[in-house]
Amino acid sequence: MFDRLLEFLGDLPGNRSGRKTLRSDDPKVAAAALMFHVMDADGDRREVESERLKALLAEAYGLSGRELDELVRAGEEADQEAIDLYAFTSVLKRSLTREGCVEFVKIMWEIVYADGELHELEDNIVWRVAELIGVDSRERIALRQLVHGRHPDTRGEAGDD
């Protein structure tokens, strides 16, 4: 199941490492920025979350070392400079199929559950991103439950909307 998530990220347009500068309109950077945004939503960035994010990006894009660090840095900077989520969600919505959008919501839940806690602000970010990329509430909740099933010791389970 996790391999499918990595494969999905690897299929995003802009997956070629030949580009020298990464911009926020690059789907890889947009995806990384949204991952940072949901990771930081609760105000408590944990090492396990950062490691999960880097592992997802490394496996998905076949990156390591400096290239991975550049993508991580570009994603974090793009998130810090953003005034809203639309800049990133619009890039993903243009770049992904409907199934790809659903898979991205699942990836966001993987980031949320990485630290073993679900905070209501994280839940809210995933809800907002899902809405902006066209994933309805029923699918979002089903994806949350699916990922939560793989992390049964998670504290702070959000309501079912």
N, C-alpha and C. Protein backbone atom coordinates (compact mmCIF):
# COMPACT_ATOMS: atom_id res chain seq x y z
N MET A 1 0.83 -1.19 0.00
CA MET A 1 0.00 0.00 0.00
C MET A 1 0.88 1.26 0.00
N PHE A 2 1.90 1.26 0.87
CA PHE A 2 2.80 2.41 0.94
C PHE A 2 3.55 2.58 -0.37
N ASP A 3 3.86 1.46 -1.03
CA ASP A 3 4.56 1.52 -2.32
C ASP A 3 3.72 2.23 -3.37
N ARG A 4 2.38 2.05 -3.31
CA ARG A 4 1.50 2.75 -4.25
C ARG A 4 1.57 4.25 -4.02
N LEU A 5 1.67 4.68 -2.77
CA LEU A 5 1.78 6.10 -2.48
C LEU A 5 3.07 6.66 -3.06
N LEU A 6 4.15 5.92 -2.89
CA LEU A 6 5.44 6.36 -3.43
C LEU A 6 5.41 6.39 -4.95
N GLU A 7 4.78 5.38 -5.55
CA GLU A 7 4.67 5.34 -7.00
C GLU A 7 3.86 6.54 -7.50
N PHE A 8 2.79 6.86 -6.79
CA PHE A 8 1.98 8.02 -7.16
C PHE A 8 2.81 9.30 -7.17
N LEU A 9 3.55 9.53 -6.11
CA LEU A 9 4.38 10.74 -6.05
C LEU A 9 5.40 10.75 -7.18
N GLY A 10 5.94 9.61 -7.51
CA GLY A 10 6.91 9.53 -8.59
C GLY A 10 6.32 9.84 -9.95
N ASP A 11 5.00 9.65 -10.10
CA ASP A 11 4.34 9.90 -11.37
C ASP A 11 3.93 11.35 -11.56
N LEU A 12 4.10 12.19 -10.54
CA LEU A 12 3.73 13.59 -10.71
C LEU A 12 4.57 14.24 -11.80
N PRO A 13 3.95 15.10 -12.60
CA PRO A 13 4.74 15.82 -13.60
C PRO A 13 5.85 16.62 -12.92
N GLY A 14 6.90 16.88 -13.62
CA GLY A 14 8.03 17.61 -13.04
C GLY A 14 8.94 16.71 -12.25
N ASN A 15 8.83 15.42 -12.44
CA ASN A 15 9.60 14.45 -11.67
C ASN A 15 11.04 14.30 -12.16
N ARG A 16 11.43 15.00 -13.14
CA ARG A 16 12.80 14.88 -13.65
C ARG A 16 13.72 15.80 -12.88
N SER A 17 14.85 15.28 -12.46
CA SER A 17 15.76 16.05 -11.61
C SER A 17 16.70 16.94 -12.41
N GLY A 18 16.52 17.06 -13.70
CA GLY A 18 17.39 17.87 -14.53
C GLY A 18 17.24 19.36 -14.31
N ARG A 19 16.14 19.80 -13.73
CA ARG A 19 15.93 21.22 -13.50
C ARG A 19 16.85 21.70 -12.40
N LYS A 20 17.43 22.87 -12.63
CA LYS A 20 18.39 23.41 -11.67
C LYS A 20 17.70 24.12 -10.51
N THR A 21 16.62 24.85 -10.79
CA THR A 21 15.94 25.57 -9.74
C THR A 21 14.53 25.01 -9.58
N LEU A 22 14.13 24.85 -8.36
CA LEU A 22 12.80 24.35 -8.07
C LEU A 22 11.91 25.54 -7.71
N ARG A 23 10.76 25.60 -8.33
CA ARG A 23 9.83 26.70 -8.10
C ARG A 23 8.55 26.17 -7.50
N SER A 24 7.79 27.05 -6.88
CA SER A 24 6.56 26.62 -6.22
C SER A 24 5.50 26.14 -7.20
N ASP A 25 5.64 26.46 -8.50
CA ASP A 25 4.68 25.95 -9.47
C ASP A 25 5.10 24.59 -10.05
N ASP A 26 6.18 24.04 -9.53
CA ASP A 26 6.61 22.68 -9.85
C ASP A 26 5.75 21.74 -9.00
N PRO A 27 5.09 20.76 -9.60
CA PRO A 27 4.23 19.86 -8.80
C PRO A 27 4.95 19.19 -7.63
N LYS A 28 6.24 18.88 -7.79
CA LYS A 28 6.98 18.27 -6.67
C LYS A 28 7.06 19.24 -5.50
N VAL A 29 7.35 20.49 -5.79
CA VAL A 29 7.47 21.51 -4.74
C VAL A 29 6.10 21.77 -4.13
N ALA A 30 5.07 21.85 -4.95
CA ALA A 30 3.71 22.06 -4.43
C ALA A 30 3.32 20.93 -3.49
N ALA A 31 3.61 19.70 -3.88
CA ALA A 31 3.29 18.55 -3.03
C ALA A 31 4.08 18.62 -1.72
N ALA A 32 5.37 18.92 -1.81
CA ALA A 32 6.19 19.02 -0.60
C ALA A 32 5.70 20.15 0.30
N ALA A 33 5.34 21.28 -0.29
CA ALA A 33 4.87 22.42 0.50
C ALA A 33 3.59 22.05 1.27
N LEU A 34 2.66 21.38 0.62
CA LEU A 34 1.44 20.97 1.31
C LEU A 34 1.73 19.94 2.40
N MET A 35 2.71 19.09 2.17
CA MET A 35 3.10 18.12 3.19
C MET A 35 3.67 18.86 4.41
N PHE A 36 4.49 19.88 4.16
CA PHE A 36 5.00 20.69 5.26
C PHE A 36 3.86 21.41 5.98
N HIS A 37 2.93 21.92 5.22
CA HIS A 37 1.83 22.68 5.82
C HIS A 37 1.02 21.81 6.78
N VAL A 38 0.70 20.61 6.36
CA VAL A 38 -0.08 19.74 7.24
C VAL A 38 0.79 19.25 8.41
N MET A 39 2.06 19.03 8.19
CA MET A 39 2.96 18.58 9.25
C MET A 39 3.07 19.65 10.35
N ASP A 40 3.10 20.91 9.94
CA ASP A 40 3.29 22.01 10.89
C ASP A 40 1.98 22.57 11.45
N ALA A 41 0.85 22.06 11.02
CA ALA A 41 -0.45 22.63 11.41
C ALA A 41 -0.66 22.64 12.92
N ASP A 42 -0.17 21.64 13.61
CA ASP A 42 -0.38 21.56 15.06
C ASP A 42 0.67 22.35 15.85
N GLY A 43 1.60 22.99 15.14
CA GLY A 43 2.62 23.81 15.81
C GLY A 43 3.73 23.01 16.46
N ASP A 44 3.76 21.72 16.21
CA ASP A 44 4.76 20.85 16.85
C ASP A 44 5.36 19.91 15.81
N ARG A 45 6.45 20.35 15.18
CA ARG A 45 7.11 19.52 14.18
C ARG A 45 7.98 18.50 14.90
N ARG A 46 7.70 17.25 14.66
CA ARG A 46 8.46 16.18 15.28
C ARG A 46 9.39 15.53 14.26
N GLU A 47 10.47 14.99 14.77
CA GLU A 47 11.47 14.35 13.91
C GLU A 47 10.86 13.23 13.08
N VAL A 48 9.97 12.45 13.66
CA VAL A 48 9.37 11.33 12.95
C VAL A 48 8.55 11.83 11.76
N GLU A 49 7.91 12.99 11.89
CA GLU A 49 7.17 13.57 10.77
C GLU A 49 8.12 14.02 9.66
N SER A 50 9.19 14.68 10.05
CA SER A 50 10.19 15.13 9.07
C SER A 50 10.82 13.95 8.34
N GLU A 51 11.11 12.91 9.08
CA GLU A 51 11.69 11.72 8.47
C GLU A 51 10.72 11.07 7.48
N ARG A 52 9.44 11.01 7.86
CA ARG A 52 8.43 10.43 6.97
C ARG A 52 8.32 11.25 5.69
N LEU A 53 8.28 12.56 5.83
CA LEU A 53 8.19 13.45 4.67
C LEU A 53 9.39 13.24 3.74
N LYS A 54 10.58 13.24 4.31
CA LYS A 54 11.79 13.05 3.48
C LYS A 54 11.80 11.67 2.83
N ALA A 55 11.37 10.65 3.56
CA ALA A 55 11.34 9.30 2.99
C ALA A 55 10.36 9.22 1.82
N LEU A 56 9.19 9.82 1.97
CA LEU A 56 8.22 9.83 0.88
C LEU A 56 8.79 10.51 -0.36
N LEU A 57 9.40 11.67 -0.16
CA LEU A 57 9.96 12.42 -1.29
C LEU A 57 11.15 11.68 -1.91
N ALA A 58 12.02 11.12 -1.08
CA ALA A 58 13.19 10.40 -1.59
C ALA A 58 12.78 9.20 -2.44
N GLU A 59 11.88 8.41 -1.93
CA GLU A 59 11.43 7.21 -2.66
C GLU A 59 10.65 7.58 -3.91
N ALA A 60 9.78 8.57 -3.80
CA ALA A 60 8.93 8.94 -4.92
C ALA A 60 9.72 9.47 -6.10
N TYR A 61 10.72 10.26 -5.82
CA TYR A 61 11.46 10.92 -6.89
C TYR A 61 12.84 10.35 -7.12
N GLY A 62 13.20 9.33 -6.37
CA GLY A 62 14.52 8.72 -6.54
C GLY A 62 15.64 9.70 -6.21
N LEU A 63 15.41 10.52 -5.20
CA LEU A 63 16.37 11.54 -4.82
C LEU A 63 17.10 11.14 -3.55
N SER A 64 18.29 11.67 -3.42
CA SER A 64 19.04 11.53 -2.17
C SER A 64 20.02 12.68 -2.10
N GLY A 65 20.65 12.81 -0.97
CA GLY A 65 21.68 13.82 -0.81
C GLY A 65 21.23 15.22 -1.12
N ARG A 66 22.02 15.92 -1.91
CA ARG A 66 21.79 17.33 -2.21
C ARG A 66 20.46 17.56 -2.93
N GLU A 67 20.12 16.69 -3.87
CA GLU A 67 18.88 16.85 -4.62
C GLU A 67 17.66 16.75 -3.70
N LEU A 68 17.68 15.80 -2.81
CA LEU A 68 16.59 15.66 -1.85
C LEU A 68 16.53 16.87 -0.94
N ASP A 69 17.68 17.29 -0.45
CA ASP A 69 17.73 18.47 0.42
C ASP A 69 17.18 19.71 -0.28
N GLU A 70 17.47 19.84 -1.58
CA GLU A 70 16.97 20.99 -2.34
C GLU A 70 15.45 20.96 -2.45
N LEU A 71 14.89 19.79 -2.72
CA LEU A 71 13.43 19.68 -2.81
C LEU A 71 12.79 19.96 -1.45
N VAL A 72 13.36 19.40 -0.40
CA VAL A 72 12.82 19.64 0.94
C VAL A 72 12.89 21.13 1.26
N ARG A 73 14.01 21.74 0.99
CA ARG A 73 14.18 23.17 1.26
C ARG A 73 13.21 24.01 0.42
N ALA A 74 13.06 23.66 -0.86
CA ALA A 74 12.15 24.39 -1.73
C ALA A 74 10.70 24.25 -1.26
N GLY A 75 10.32 23.05 -0.84
CA GLY A 75 8.96 22.83 -0.33
C GLY A 75 8.70 23.60 0.94
N GLU A 76 9.67 23.59 1.85
CA GLU A 76 9.50 24.30 3.11
C GLU A 76 9.44 25.81 2.88
N GLU A 77 10.33 26.32 2.03
CA GLU A 77 10.33 27.75 1.73
C GLU A 77 9.04 28.18 1.05
N ALA A 78 8.58 27.37 0.10
CA ALA A 78 7.33 27.70 -0.59
C ALA A 78 6.17 27.74 0.40
N ASP A 79 6.13 26.79 1.33
CA ASP A 79 5.06 26.80 2.34
C ASP A 79 5.15 28.04 3.21
N GLN A 80 6.35 28.41 3.63
CA GLN A 80 6.51 29.57 4.50
C GLN A 80 6.15 30.87 3.80
N GLU A 81 6.36 30.94 2.48
CA GLU A 81 6.08 32.16 1.73
C GLU A 81 4.64 32.23 1.23
N ALA A 82 3.92 31.15 1.30
CA ALA A 82 2.56 31.09 0.74
C ALA A 82 1.58 31.91 1.57
N ILE A 83 0.64 32.51 0.88
CA ILE A 83 -0.42 33.23 1.59
C ILE A 83 -1.69 32.40 1.68
N ASP A 84 -1.77 31.35 0.89
CA ASP A 84 -2.92 30.45 0.95
C ASP A 84 -2.53 29.09 0.37
N LEU A 85 -3.45 28.16 0.43
CA LEU A 85 -3.20 26.82 -0.08
C LEU A 85 -3.45 26.71 -1.58
N TYR A 86 -4.19 27.65 -2.11
CA TYR A 86 -4.61 27.58 -3.52
C TYR A 86 -3.43 27.53 -4.48
N ALA A 87 -2.37 28.26 -4.18
CA ALA A 87 -1.21 28.26 -5.07
C ALA A 87 -0.70 26.84 -5.31
N PHE A 88 -0.73 26.02 -4.28
CA PHE A 88 -0.24 24.65 -4.39
C PHE A 88 -1.32 23.70 -4.90
N THR A 89 -2.53 23.85 -4.38
CA THR A 89 -3.60 22.93 -4.80
C THR A 89 -3.95 23.12 -6.26
N SER A 90 -3.85 24.34 -6.76
CA SER A 90 -4.15 24.56 -8.18
C SER A 90 -3.11 23.86 -9.07
N VAL A 91 -1.86 23.87 -8.65
CA VAL A 91 -0.81 23.16 -9.40
C VAL A 91 -1.11 21.66 -9.40
N LEU A 92 -1.44 21.11 -8.25
CA LEU A 92 -1.73 19.68 -8.18
C LEU A 92 -2.99 19.32 -8.96
N LYS A 93 -4.01 20.15 -8.85
CA LYS A 93 -5.25 19.85 -9.56
C LYS A 93 -5.03 19.83 -11.07
N ARG A 94 -4.18 20.72 -11.56
CA ARG A 94 -3.86 20.74 -13.00
C ARG A 94 -2.98 19.55 -13.39
N SER A 95 -2.18 19.06 -12.48
CA SER A 95 -1.17 18.05 -12.78
C SER A 95 -1.62 16.62 -12.54
N LEU A 96 -2.64 16.43 -11.72
CA LEU A 96 -3.05 15.09 -11.31
C LEU A 96 -4.38 14.67 -11.92
N THR A 97 -4.53 13.38 -12.09
CA THR A 97 -5.82 12.82 -12.44
C THR A 97 -6.69 12.83 -11.18
N ARG A 98 -7.94 12.49 -11.34
CA ARG A 98 -8.84 12.39 -10.18
C ARG A 98 -8.30 11.38 -9.17
N GLU A 99 -7.83 10.24 -9.67
CA GLU A 99 -7.27 9.21 -8.79
C GLU A 99 -6.00 9.73 -8.10
N GLY A 100 -5.23 10.52 -8.82
CA GLY A 100 -4.03 11.11 -8.24
C GLY A 100 -4.36 12.04 -7.09
N CYS A 101 -5.43 12.80 -7.24
CA CYS A 101 -5.86 13.71 -6.16
C CYS A 101 -6.26 12.91 -4.92
N VAL A 102 -6.97 11.82 -5.13
CA VAL A 102 -7.37 10.95 -4.01
C VAL A 102 -6.11 10.38 -3.34
N GLU A 103 -5.16 9.92 -4.14
CA GLU A 103 -3.91 9.38 -3.58
C GLU A 103 -3.16 10.45 -2.79
N PHE A 104 -3.18 11.69 -3.25
CA PHE A 104 -2.47 12.74 -2.53
C PHE A 104 -3.10 12.98 -1.16
N VAL A 105 -4.41 12.92 -1.08
CA VAL A 105 -5.07 13.07 0.23
C VAL A 105 -4.64 11.94 1.15
N LYS A 106 -4.51 10.74 0.62
CA LYS A 106 -4.03 9.62 1.42
C LYS A 106 -2.61 9.88 1.92
N ILE A 107 -1.77 10.45 1.07
CA ILE A 107 -0.40 10.78 1.46
C ILE A 107 -0.40 11.81 2.59
N MET A 108 -1.30 12.78 2.49
CA MET A 108 -1.38 13.78 3.56
C MET A 108 -1.75 13.13 4.89
N TRP A 109 -2.66 12.15 4.84
CA TRP A 109 -3.00 11.44 6.08
C TRP A 109 -1.79 10.68 6.61
N GLU A 110 -0.95 10.15 5.74
CA GLU A 110 0.26 9.46 6.19
C GLU A 110 1.16 10.42 6.96
N ILE A 111 1.27 11.64 6.51
CA ILE A 111 2.06 12.65 7.22
C ILE A 111 1.41 12.96 8.57
N VAL A 112 0.09 13.15 8.56
CA VAL A 112 -0.64 13.46 9.80
C VAL A 112 -0.41 12.38 10.86
N TYR A 113 -0.53 11.13 10.46
CA TYR A 113 -0.44 10.03 11.43
C TYR A 113 0.99 9.61 11.76
N ALA A 114 1.98 10.22 11.13
CA ALA A 114 3.37 9.83 11.36
C ALA A 114 3.79 9.97 12.81
N ASP A 115 3.27 10.96 13.52
CA ASP A 115 3.68 11.18 14.91
C ASP A 115 2.76 10.52 15.93
N GLY A 116 1.77 9.77 15.45
CA GLY A 116 0.88 9.06 16.37
C GLY A 116 -0.18 9.94 17.00
N GLU A 117 -0.35 11.16 16.49
CA GLU A 117 -1.37 12.05 17.02
C GLU A 117 -2.10 12.74 15.88
N LEU A 118 -3.42 12.85 16.02
CA LEU A 118 -4.22 13.59 15.05
C LEU A 118 -4.74 14.83 15.75
N HIS A 119 -4.31 15.97 15.27
CA HIS A 119 -4.74 17.25 15.82
C HIS A 119 -5.84 17.82 14.93
N GLU A 120 -6.79 18.51 15.53
CA GLU A 120 -7.90 19.05 14.75
C GLU A 120 -7.44 20.01 13.65
N LEU A 121 -6.34 20.72 13.86
CA LEU A 121 -5.85 21.62 12.81
C LEU A 121 -5.29 20.83 11.62
N GLU A 122 -4.67 19.69 11.89
CA GLU A 122 -4.21 18.84 10.80
C GLU A 122 -5.40 18.31 10.01
N ASP A 123 -6.41 17.87 10.72
CA ASP A 123 -7.63 17.38 10.08
C ASP A 123 -8.23 18.48 9.21
N ASN A 124 -8.22 19.71 9.70
CA ASN A 124 -8.79 20.83 8.96
C ASN A 124 -7.99 21.12 7.69
N ILE A 125 -6.67 21.04 7.77
CA ILE A 125 -5.84 21.29 6.58
C ILE A 125 -6.13 20.23 5.52
N VAL A 126 -6.19 18.98 5.92
CA VAL A 126 -6.48 17.92 4.95
C VAL A 126 -7.86 18.15 4.34
N TRP A 127 -8.83 18.54 5.14
CA TRP A 127 -10.17 18.83 4.64
C TRP A 127 -10.12 19.94 3.60
N ARG A 128 -9.42 21.03 3.89
CA ARG A 128 -9.35 22.16 2.97
C ARG A 128 -8.64 21.78 1.67
N VAL A 129 -7.51 21.08 1.78
CA VAL A 129 -6.79 20.65 0.58
C VAL A 129 -7.66 19.72 -0.26
N ALA A 130 -8.29 18.76 0.41
CA ALA A 130 -9.15 17.81 -0.31
C ALA A 130 -10.24 18.55 -1.08
N GLU A 131 -10.89 19.50 -0.45
CA GLU A 131 -11.93 20.27 -1.12
C GLU A 131 -11.36 21.01 -2.34
N LEU A 132 -10.20 21.60 -2.19
CA LEU A 132 -9.60 22.39 -3.28
C LEU A 132 -9.15 21.53 -4.46
N ILE A 133 -8.82 20.27 -4.21
CA ILE A 133 -8.40 19.41 -5.32
C ILE A 133 -9.51 18.46 -5.77
N GLY A 134 -10.70 18.65 -5.23
CA GLY A 134 -11.86 17.91 -5.71
C GLY A 134 -12.11 16.56 -5.10
N VAL A 135 -11.60 16.32 -3.90
CA VAL A 135 -11.87 15.06 -3.20
C VAL A 135 -12.96 15.33 -2.18
N ASP A 136 -14.10 14.65 -2.31
CA ASP A 136 -15.24 14.96 -1.45
C ASP A 136 -15.07 14.42 -0.03
N SER A 137 -15.95 14.87 0.84
CA SER A 137 -15.88 14.52 2.27
C SER A 137 -15.92 13.03 2.51
N ARG A 138 -16.79 12.34 1.80
CA ARG A 138 -16.92 10.90 2.00
C ARG A 138 -15.60 10.19 1.71
N GLU A 139 -14.95 10.55 0.60
CA GLU A 139 -13.67 9.94 0.25
C GLU A 139 -12.58 10.31 1.25
N ARG A 140 -12.56 11.57 1.65
CA ARG A 140 -11.55 12.04 2.60
C ARG A 140 -11.67 11.29 3.93
N ILE A 141 -12.89 11.12 4.40
CA ILE A 141 -13.10 10.40 5.66
C ILE A 141 -12.71 8.93 5.52
N ALA A 142 -13.07 8.32 4.39
CA ALA A 142 -12.70 6.92 4.16
C ALA A 142 -11.18 6.77 4.12
N LEU A 143 -10.50 7.71 3.51
CA LEU A 143 -9.03 7.66 3.45
C LEU A 143 -8.43 7.84 4.84
N ARG A 144 -9.00 8.75 5.62
CA ARG A 144 -8.51 8.94 6.99
C ARG A 144 -8.67 7.65 7.78
N GLN A 145 -9.82 7.01 7.66
CA GLN A 145 -10.06 5.77 8.38
C GLN A 145 -9.12 4.66 7.91
N LEU A 146 -8.86 4.61 6.62
CA LEU A 146 -7.94 3.61 6.08
C LEU A 146 -6.54 3.79 6.66
N VAL A 147 -6.04 5.00 6.62
CA VAL A 147 -4.69 5.26 7.15
C VAL A 147 -4.67 5.10 8.66
N HIS A 148 -5.72 5.55 9.34
CA HIS A 148 -5.79 5.38 10.79
C HIS A 148 -5.75 3.90 11.17
N GLY A 149 -6.34 3.06 10.35
CA GLY A 149 -6.32 1.62 10.60
C GLY A 149 -4.91 1.06 10.63
N ARG A 150 -4.00 1.71 9.94
CA ARG A 150 -2.59 1.27 9.95
C ARG A 150 -1.83 1.91 11.10
N HIS A 151 -2.47 2.84 11.81
CA HIS A 151 -1.87 3.53 12.96
C HIS A 151 -2.87 3.50 14.12
N PRO A 152 -3.22 2.33 14.62
CA PRO A 152 -4.30 2.21 15.59
C PRO A 152 -4.03 2.88 16.94
N ASP A 153 -2.79 3.17 17.26
CA ASP A 153 -2.48 3.79 18.55
C ASP A 153 -2.52 5.32 18.51
N THR A 154 -3.00 5.88 17.40
CA THR A 154 -3.06 7.33 17.26
C THR A 154 -4.03 7.92 18.27
N ARG A 155 -3.56 9.03 18.87
CA ARG A 155 -4.41 9.75 19.83
C ARG A 155 -5.05 10.94 19.13
N GLY A 156 -6.20 11.37 19.67
CA GLY A 156 -6.84 12.59 19.21
C GLY A 156 -7.63 12.43 17.94
N GLU A 157 -8.28 11.29 17.76
CA GLU A 157 -9.07 11.04 16.55
C GLU A 157 -10.11 12.14 16.37
N ALA A 158 -10.13 12.71 15.18
CA ALA A 158 -11.09 13.77 14.86
C ALA A 158 -12.45 13.16 14.61
N GLY A 159 -13.47 14.00 14.64
CA GLY A 159 -14.83 13.55 14.38
C GLY A 159 -15.00 13.18 12.93
N ASP A 160 -16.15 12.62 12.60
CA ASP A 160 -16.43 12.20 11.23
C ASP A 160 -17.13 13.27 10.44
N ASP A 161 -16.84 14.53 10.77
CA ASP A 161 -17.38 15.68 10.04
C ASP A 161 -18.84 15.74 10.25
